[in-house]
Amino acid sequence: MRRTGESLATSNNDEKAKILTERFFPQPALADLSDITGETPATRLRVDSDMTTEEMARTISRLLNNTAPGLDGIPNEALKTCGPLIAPWLADVARAYFTIGYYPRLGRAITTVVLRKEGKADYLLPGSYRPIALENTLSKVLERVIAERIADTAKEHALLPQSQMGARKNRLTLLALTLLTSTIKTAWAI
């Protein structure tokens, strides 16, 4: 393994892990928050924490089959089979997380597996690999429910621009392409 632009490769596993870590988890850019003064609407938002059993059961039923489980070893198929029985308890757990504002460290544990991308010319480069995060199955369900609640709150308070397409309900690629085409046509018409 070697860094892009370097000619010498290393066979030391610790150094390989460091190279892949730099590639997969780069340091984030610092956000410029200088224009934010005083209290903002975002500091006063409340996310609805009243989780229903039906909502939890629906989230469990939407899990994909044939995905690798995380450290808990629970396959999605098993959770879907038990879904109607455990949904009330998971709804209680989700409500508790919202109430106390804490998500346990065990739920945040993720195992990252590195896989080779097919058809690459040089497997000594870190770009020839991709990370796969294996997350606990129960955590996936709880996080999905929490993420949907946060997304609903952001939509309700219009916190995202209309042009934001990624990770939003009903914002398909076709809509993004239509917006892009319309913008280009408008620019050319001027």
Protein backbone atom coordinates (compact mmCIF):
# COMPACT_ATOMS: atom_id res chain seq x y z
CA MET A 1 0.00 0.00 0.00
CA ARG A 2 1.24 3.49 -0.80
CA ARG A 3 -0.12 7.01 -0.75
CA THR A 4 -1.16 8.55 -4.06
CA GLY A 5 1.83 10.33 -5.58
CA GLU A 6 4.38 8.31 -3.62
CA SER A 7 6.48 5.60 -5.22
CA LEU A 8 7.42 3.55 -2.15
CA ALA A 9 4.90 1.05 -0.81
CA THR A 10 4.70 -0.24 2.75
CA SER A 11 4.00 -3.77 3.90
CA ASN A 12 3.48 -2.72 7.52
CA ASN A 13 -0.18 -3.29 8.48
CA ASP A 14 -0.27 -0.34 10.89
CA GLU A 15 0.99 1.98 8.14
CA LYS A 16 -1.52 0.51 5.65
CA ALA A 17 -4.32 1.16 8.15
CA LYS A 18 -3.11 4.74 8.55
CA ILE A 19 -3.11 5.29 4.76
CA LEU A 20 -6.64 3.89 4.41
CA THR A 21 -7.86 5.93 7.39
CA GLU A 22 -6.53 9.12 5.81
CA ARG A 23 -8.33 8.22 2.57
CA PHE A 24 -11.68 7.14 4.06
CA PHE A 25 -11.92 9.61 6.94
CA PRO A 26 -10.33 12.92 5.91
CA GLN A 27 -10.36 15.81 8.34
CA PRO A 28 -13.53 17.87 7.78
CA ALA A 29 -13.27 21.48 6.70
CA LEU A 30 -14.04 24.03 9.38
CA ALA A 31 -17.44 25.64 9.02
CA ASP A 32 -17.60 29.43 8.93
CA LEU A 33 -20.13 30.30 11.64
CA SER A 34 -19.15 33.96 11.92
CA ASP A 35 -22.47 35.13 10.45
CA ILE A 36 -24.51 33.43 13.20
CA THR A 37 -25.30 35.77 16.05
CA GLY A 38 -27.58 35.32 19.03
CA GLU A 39 -30.26 32.69 19.25
CA THR A 40 -31.37 31.03 16.02
CA PRO A 41 -34.54 29.06 15.32
CA ALA A 42 -32.42 25.90 15.19
CA THR A 43 -31.43 26.32 18.84
CA ARG A 44 -35.11 26.25 19.85
CA LEU A 45 -36.31 23.33 17.74
CA ARG A 46 -38.01 20.40 19.39
CA VAL A 47 -38.08 17.05 17.61
CA ASP A 48 -41.24 15.05 18.30
CA SER A 49 -40.28 12.17 20.59
CA ASP A 50 -43.65 10.41 20.77
CA MET A 51 -42.66 7.18 19.01
CA THR A 52 -45.50 4.78 18.23
CA THR A 53 -45.34 1.01 18.06
CA GLU A 54 -46.78 1.16 14.54
CA GLU A 55 -44.07 3.54 13.38
CA MET A 56 -41.39 1.27 14.82
CA ALA A 57 -42.96 -1.86 13.25
CA ARG A 58 -43.13 -0.07 9.86
CA THR A 59 -39.45 0.90 10.10
CA ILE A 60 -38.45 -2.68 10.94
CA SER A 61 -40.50 -4.06 8.05
CA ARG A 62 -38.64 -1.78 5.59
CA LEU A 63 -35.22 -3.24 6.41
CA LEU A 64 -33.45 -4.78 3.43
CA ASN A 65 -32.73 -8.50 3.35
CA ASN A 66 -29.31 -10.03 2.73
CA THR A 67 -27.27 -7.29 4.36
CA ALA A 68 -24.37 -7.98 6.70
CA PRO A 69 -25.10 -7.49 10.42
CA GLY A 70 -22.87 -5.54 12.75
CA LEU A 71 -21.33 -6.60 16.04
CA ASP A 72 -24.70 -7.72 17.41
CA GLY A 73 -24.86 -10.42 14.72
CA ILE A 74 -28.61 -9.96 14.19
CA PRO A 75 -29.59 -10.35 10.51
CA ASN A 76 -32.32 -8.04 9.22
CA GLU A 77 -34.44 -11.08 8.35
CA ALA A 78 -34.49 -12.17 12.02
CA LEU A 79 -35.42 -8.69 13.18
CA LYS A 80 -38.21 -8.49 10.59
CA THR A 81 -39.55 -11.85 11.77
CA CYS A 82 -39.60 -10.66 15.40
CA GLY A 83 -40.66 -7.11 14.47
CA PRO A 84 -44.28 -7.23 15.63
CA LEU A 85 -43.20 -8.65 19.01
CA ILE A 86 -40.32 -6.28 19.74
CA ALA A 87 -41.68 -3.07 18.17
CA PRO A 88 -43.35 -1.90 21.43
CA TRP A 89 -40.10 -2.26 23.38
CA LEU A 90 -37.99 -0.61 20.69
CA ALA A 91 -40.47 2.27 20.58
CA ASP A 92 -40.01 2.67 24.34
CA VAL A 93 -36.23 2.66 23.90
CA ALA A 94 -36.44 5.31 21.16
CA ARG A 95 -38.66 7.52 23.36
CA ALA A 96 -36.17 7.16 26.21
CA TYR A 97 -33.27 8.18 23.94
CA PHE A 98 -35.18 11.29 22.88
CA THR A 99 -36.15 12.11 26.46
CA ILE A 100 -32.67 11.89 27.96
CA GLY A 101 -30.92 13.12 24.80
CA TYR A 102 -28.33 10.37 24.81
CA TYR A 103 -27.47 7.50 22.50
CA PRO A 104 -25.38 4.73 24.15
CA ARG A 105 -21.83 4.07 23.03
CA LEU A 106 -22.69 0.42 22.29
CA GLY A 107 -25.24 1.59 19.73
CA ARG A 108 -22.62 3.72 18.04
CA ALA A 109 -20.13 0.86 17.64
CA ILE A 110 -19.36 0.24 13.98
CA THR A 111 -16.99 -2.22 12.35
CA THR A 112 -15.47 -0.97 9.10
CA VAL A 113 -14.46 -3.59 6.55
CA VAL A 114 -12.28 -2.62 3.60
CA LEU A 115 -13.10 -4.24 0.24
CA ARG A 116 -11.24 -4.12 -3.06
CA LYS A 117 -12.97 -2.33 -5.93
CA GLU A 118 -13.07 -4.54 -8.99
CA GLY A 119 -11.08 -3.75 -12.10
CA LYS A 120 -8.54 -1.35 -10.59
CA ALA A 121 -5.10 -1.22 -12.21
CA ASP A 122 -3.10 -0.60 -9.03
CA TYR A 123 -4.17 -2.16 -5.73
CA LEU A 124 -1.33 -0.43 -3.92
CA LEU A 125 -3.35 2.82 -4.01
CA PRO A 126 -5.97 3.51 -1.33
CA GLY A 127 -8.49 4.64 -3.99
CA SER A 128 -8.68 1.00 -5.12
CA TYR A 129 -10.57 0.13 -1.93
CA ARG A 130 -13.89 1.08 -0.38
CA PRO A 131 -15.06 0.97 3.22
CA ILE A 132 -18.20 -0.87 4.30
CA ALA A 133 -19.60 0.06 7.71
CA LEU A 134 -21.23 -2.80 9.62
CA GLU A 135 -23.58 -1.33 12.18
CA ASN A 136 -25.64 -3.12 14.82
CA THR A 137 -29.04 -4.01 13.37
CA LEU A 138 -31.00 -2.58 16.30
CA SER A 139 -29.00 0.64 16.02
CA LYS A 140 -29.88 0.90 12.32
CA VAL A 141 -33.58 0.79 13.19
CA LEU A 142 -33.35 3.33 16.00
CA GLU A 143 -31.16 5.69 13.99
CA ARG A 144 -33.50 5.49 11.00
CA VAL A 145 -36.46 6.48 13.18
CA ILE A 146 -34.51 9.34 14.77
CA ALA A 147 -33.23 10.53 11.37
CA GLU A 148 -36.77 10.59 9.96
CA ARG A 149 -37.91 12.69 12.93
CA ILE A 150 -35.07 15.15 12.47
CA ALA A 151 -35.73 15.35 8.70
CA ASP A 152 -39.43 16.00 9.31
CA THR A 153 -38.57 18.79 11.76
CA ALA A 154 -36.10 20.35 9.29
CA LYS A 155 -38.78 20.26 6.58
CA GLU A 156 -41.45 21.70 8.89
CA HIS A 157 -39.23 24.69 9.73
CA ALA A 158 -37.85 25.08 6.17
CA LEU A 159 -34.26 24.69 7.36
CA LEU A 160 -33.01 23.23 4.07
CA PRO A 161 -32.93 25.07 0.75
CA GLN A 162 -35.29 23.89 -2.00
CA SER A 163 -32.25 22.96 -4.10
CA GLN A 164 -31.09 20.40 -1.50
CA MET A 165 -31.70 17.02 -3.13
CA GLY A 166 -29.59 14.45 -1.29
CA ALA A 167 -31.05 12.45 1.59
CA ARG A 168 -34.52 13.99 1.29
CA LYS A 169 -37.87 12.31 0.73
CA ASN A 170 -39.39 12.74 -2.72
CA ARG A 171 -36.20 14.31 -4.11
CA LEU A 172 -35.32 11.84 -6.82
CA THR A 173 -32.48 12.07 -9.32
CA LEU A 174 -35.03 12.89 -12.02
CA LEU A 175 -36.11 16.00 -10.10
CA ALA A 176 -32.49 17.09 -9.72
CA LEU A 177 -31.88 16.63 -13.45
CA THR A 178 -35.07 18.55 -14.30
CA LEU A 179 -33.95 21.44 -12.05
CA LEU A 180 -30.47 21.41 -13.62
CA THR A 181 -31.89 21.37 -17.17
CA SER A 182 -34.27 24.22 -16.35
CA THR A 183 -31.44 26.29 -14.86
CA ILE A 184 -29.25 25.74 -17.92
CA LYS A 185 -32.07 26.64 -20.31
CA THR A 186 -32.80 29.79 -18.31
CA ALA A 187 -29.11 30.78 -18.36
CA TRP A 188 -28.86 30.25 -22.13
CA ALA A 189 -32.03 32.22 -22.79
CA ILE A 190 -30.53 35.35 -21.29
